Amino acid sequence: MYQCVVFDMDGTLVNSYEGIDAAYRWACQQMDIPFPGEGFVYRAIGAPLLLVWQEACGLSPRDTQRAAAYYRDYYARAGQKQAELYGGMTDVLQKLKKAGLSLCVATLKQEGFAKEILRDFGVLSLFDTVRGMDQNDSLTKADLILECIRDSGASRRSTILVGDSEYDADGAKKAGVDFLAVTYGFGFRNGEIPPEDTS
């Protein structure tokens, strides 16, 4: 039986496409590089921000840092307000909390942004802990999941991650916890969920 439910954020708790799309567009404009398009944004949501700029956009390490700074500048000013909690999510969280489960968030979004968004939607108090990316972009999804486990006092075997992307699935595998995929988010939009690893 599970004791701790860890949620991804973008595409799992909140529909944050509008703000993320606008932040990427703004950053590309400031960097004077072409915006790669809507498909790029769908693929980028849930991925580490520096990885997106460096690998998907081919930027140098120095330009990657600049692009990420522009992205976060816009997101802090406007992007985090351009999101909505998925319908019925408050009821789901309240029922899980009432059942005695520890609820956590593990997101590659900067922790401050995550807490502000959840506070704006009135659900921050339902979570025992919210863990997000540090200022140095040094944490992985698995790192964040493990921080949630430590904070909640649960074991890996009694923890499950709920997420919508391959990055979530990979993070759960590396952290040694079960994974529940949702298909209403961004990463598994076509229901293409990675097969269970039986090795």
Protein backbone atom coordinates (compact mmCIF):
# COMPACT_ATOMS: atom_id res chain seq x y z
CA MET A 1 0.00 0.00 0.00
CA TYR A 2 1.26 3.46 -0.87
CA GLN A 3 1.95 5.98 1.85
CA CYS A 4 3.33 8.80 -0.29
CA VAL A 5 2.11 10.16 -3.63
CA VAL A 6 4.56 12.43 -5.43
CA PHE A 7 3.14 14.58 -8.23
CA ASP A 8 4.90 16.09 -11.18
CA MET A 9 3.61 19.62 -11.80
CA ASP A 10 3.48 20.79 -15.44
CA GLY A 11 1.02 18.62 -17.33
CA THR A 12 0.03 16.70 -14.21
CA LEU A 13 -1.28 19.18 -11.62
CA VAL A 14 -1.48 22.26 -13.82
CA ASN A 15 -1.90 23.13 -17.47
CA SER A 16 0.99 25.55 -17.79
CA TYR A 17 1.35 25.54 -21.58
CA GLU A 18 0.43 29.18 -22.19
CA GLY A 19 2.99 30.62 -19.79
CA ILE A 20 5.76 28.25 -20.82
CA ASP A 21 5.11 28.90 -24.52
CA ALA A 22 5.21 32.66 -23.94
CA ALA A 23 8.42 32.39 -21.90
CA TYR A 24 10.17 30.41 -24.64
CA ARG A 25 8.98 32.88 -27.29
CA TRP A 26 10.24 35.82 -25.21
CA ALA A 27 13.62 34.19 -24.60
CA CYS A 28 14.07 33.38 -28.29
CA GLN A 29 13.24 36.96 -29.19
CA GLN A 30 15.79 38.29 -26.70
CA MET A 31 18.41 35.84 -27.96
CA ASP A 32 17.61 36.74 -31.58
CA ILE A 33 17.07 33.11 -32.54
CA PRO A 34 14.04 31.65 -34.36
CA PHE A 35 11.27 30.21 -32.22
CA PRO A 36 11.19 26.44 -32.97
CA GLY A 37 7.40 26.18 -32.87
CA GLU A 38 4.53 24.71 -30.87
CA GLY A 39 5.80 21.14 -31.20
CA PHE A 40 9.05 22.20 -29.59
CA VAL A 41 7.20 23.57 -26.56
CA TYR A 42 5.22 20.37 -26.05
CA ARG A 43 8.46 18.38 -26.15
CA ALA A 44 10.22 20.84 -23.85
CA ILE A 45 7.63 20.86 -21.06
CA GLY A 46 8.87 18.64 -18.26
CA ALA A 47 12.44 18.57 -19.55
CA PRO A 48 15.37 20.23 -17.73
CA LEU A 49 15.47 23.84 -18.93
CA LEU A 50 19.22 23.94 -19.64
CA LEU A 51 18.99 20.66 -21.55
CA VAL A 52 16.29 22.11 -23.79
CA TRP A 53 18.32 25.17 -24.72
CA GLN A 54 21.57 23.30 -25.16
CA GLU A 55 20.44 20.16 -26.97
CA ALA A 56 17.16 21.10 -28.64
CA CYS A 57 18.28 24.59 -29.67
CA GLY A 58 22.01 23.95 -30.07
CA LEU A 59 23.13 26.83 -27.87
CA SER A 60 26.57 27.07 -26.31
CA PRO A 61 26.85 26.67 -22.52
CA ARG A 62 27.17 30.46 -22.13
CA ASP A 63 24.17 31.20 -24.37
CA THR A 64 22.22 28.44 -22.64
CA GLN A 65 22.59 30.29 -19.34
CA ARG A 66 21.51 33.57 -20.96
CA ALA A 67 18.47 31.99 -22.59
CA ALA A 68 17.44 30.34 -19.33
CA ALA A 69 17.75 33.67 -17.52
CA TYR A 70 15.51 35.39 -20.11
CA TYR A 71 13.00 32.52 -19.84
CA ARG A 72 12.84 32.76 -16.06
CA ASP A 73 12.65 36.55 -16.13
CA TYR A 74 9.49 36.37 -18.22
CA TYR A 75 8.11 33.48 -16.20
CA ALA A 76 8.57 35.37 -12.94
CA ARG A 77 6.83 38.48 -14.34
CA ALA A 78 3.94 36.86 -16.19
CA GLY A 79 4.34 33.21 -17.13
CA GLN A 80 3.50 31.67 -13.79
CA LYS A 81 0.15 33.46 -13.86
CA GLN A 82 -0.66 31.93 -17.24
CA ALA A 83 -1.59 28.51 -15.89
CA GLU A 84 -4.66 26.70 -14.64
CA LEU A 85 -5.22 23.84 -12.23
CA TYR A 86 -6.66 20.83 -14.03
CA GLY A 87 -10.36 20.34 -13.39
CA GLY A 88 -11.18 18.10 -10.43
CA MET A 89 -7.61 18.19 -9.14
CA THR A 90 -8.51 19.91 -5.87
CA ASP A 91 -11.06 17.18 -5.08
CA VAL A 92 -8.54 14.43 -5.90
CA LEU A 93 -5.91 15.97 -3.63
CA GLN A 94 -8.38 16.47 -0.80
CA LYS A 95 -9.54 12.84 -1.00
CA LEU A 96 -5.97 11.53 -0.99
CA LYS A 97 -5.12 13.75 1.96
CA LYS A 98 -8.23 12.62 3.83
CA ALA A 99 -7.17 9.01 3.24
CA GLY A 100 -4.00 9.73 5.21
CA LEU A 101 -1.50 9.81 2.34
CA SER A 102 1.50 12.12 2.25
CA LEU A 103 1.32 14.36 -0.82
CA CYS A 104 4.42 15.86 -2.41
CA VAL A 105 5.46 17.70 -5.56
CA ALA A 106 8.69 17.01 -7.47
CA THR A 107 9.13 19.43 -10.36
CA LEU A 108 11.99 20.61 -12.54
CA LYS A 109 10.40 24.05 -12.34
CA GLN A 110 12.20 26.32 -9.87
CA GLU A 111 10.84 25.66 -6.41
CA GLY A 112 9.76 29.24 -5.78
CA PHE A 113 7.64 29.31 -8.94
CA ALA A 114 6.03 25.99 -8.04
CA LYS A 115 5.04 27.11 -4.55
CA GLU A 116 3.63 30.42 -5.76
CA ILE A 117 1.49 28.73 -8.41
CA LEU A 118 0.12 26.15 -5.97
CA ARG A 119 -0.55 28.90 -3.42
CA ASP A 120 -2.45 30.93 -6.03
CA PHE A 121 -4.68 27.91 -6.72
CA GLY A 122 -5.28 27.34 -3.01
CA VAL A 123 -3.79 23.86 -2.85
CA LEU A 124 -0.30 24.46 -1.45
CA SER A 125 -1.46 23.55 2.06
CA LEU A 126 -2.50 20.08 0.84
CA PHE A 127 1.12 19.14 0.16
CA ASP A 128 3.55 17.99 2.81
CA THR A 129 6.49 19.17 0.74
CA VAL A 130 7.22 20.82 -2.60
CA ARG A 131 10.61 20.19 -4.15
CA GLY A 132 11.81 21.99 -7.26
CA MET A 133 14.93 22.91 -9.17
CA ASP A 134 17.66 24.67 -7.24
CA GLN A 135 19.29 27.94 -8.31
CA ASN A 136 22.23 26.09 -9.92
CA ASP A 137 20.09 23.73 -12.02
CA SER A 138 21.97 20.83 -10.46
CA LEU A 139 19.10 18.53 -9.46
CA THR A 140 17.55 15.69 -11.43
CA LYS A 141 13.99 14.41 -11.27
CA ALA A 142 15.23 11.42 -9.28
CA ASP A 143 16.97 13.75 -6.81
CA LEU A 144 13.72 15.64 -6.25
CA ILE A 145 11.70 12.45 -5.78
CA LEU A 146 14.19 11.21 -3.20
CA GLU A 147 14.00 14.55 -1.36
CA CYS A 148 10.21 14.12 -1.19
CA ILE A 149 10.63 10.62 0.19
CA ARG A 150 13.01 11.86 2.89
CA ASP A 151 10.71 14.74 3.79
CA SER A 152 7.66 12.49 4.08
CA GLY A 153 9.40 9.71 5.98
CA ALA A 154 8.09 7.14 3.50
CA SER A 155 10.02 4.32 1.87
CA ARG A 156 10.67 3.92 -1.83
CA ARG A 157 8.41 0.87 -1.94
CA SER A 158 5.52 2.85 -0.46
CA THR A 159 5.95 5.81 -2.84
CA ILE A 160 4.51 6.40 -6.31
CA LEU A 161 5.20 9.22 -8.76
CA VAL A 162 2.34 10.57 -10.87
CA GLY A 163 3.55 12.25 -14.05
CA ASP A 164 2.98 12.85 -17.73
CA SER A 165 6.33 12.52 -19.47
CA GLU A 166 9.28 10.27 -20.21
CA TYR A 167 11.34 12.44 -17.85
CA ASP A 168 8.97 11.53 -15.04
CA ALA A 169 9.08 7.84 -15.95
CA ASP A 170 12.88 7.91 -16.05
CA GLY A 171 13.09 9.82 -12.78
CA ALA A 172 10.82 7.32 -11.04
CA LYS A 173 12.90 4.41 -12.34
CA LYS A 174 16.17 5.96 -11.17
CA ALA A 175 14.66 6.82 -7.77
CA GLY A 176 13.37 3.28 -7.38
CA VAL A 177 9.67 4.14 -7.07
CA ASP A 178 6.54 3.11 -8.95
CA PHE A 179 5.20 5.35 -11.71
CA LEU A 180 1.63 6.21 -12.71
CA ALA A 181 1.39 7.86 -16.14
CA VAL A 182 -1.35 10.35 -17.00
CA THR A 183 -2.26 11.00 -20.63
CA TYR A 184 -4.02 14.35 -20.31
CA GLY A 185 -0.71 16.23 -19.98
CA PHE A 186 2.00 16.98 -22.51
CA GLY A 187 4.48 14.11 -22.70
CA PHE A 188 2.13 11.16 -23.27
CA ARG A 189 -0.44 13.03 -25.33
CA ASN A 190 -0.89 10.12 -27.73
CA GLY A 191 -1.00 7.50 -25.03
CA GLU A 192 2.54 6.38 -25.86
CA ILE A 193 3.61 5.25 -22.41
CA PRO A 194 7.01 3.56 -22.04
CA PRO A 195 6.67 -0.20 -21.51
CA GLU A 196 7.35 -1.50 -18.04
CA ASP A 197 10.99 -2.42 -17.51
CA THR A 198 11.11 -6.12 -16.66
CA SER A 199 14.89 -6.43 -16.52
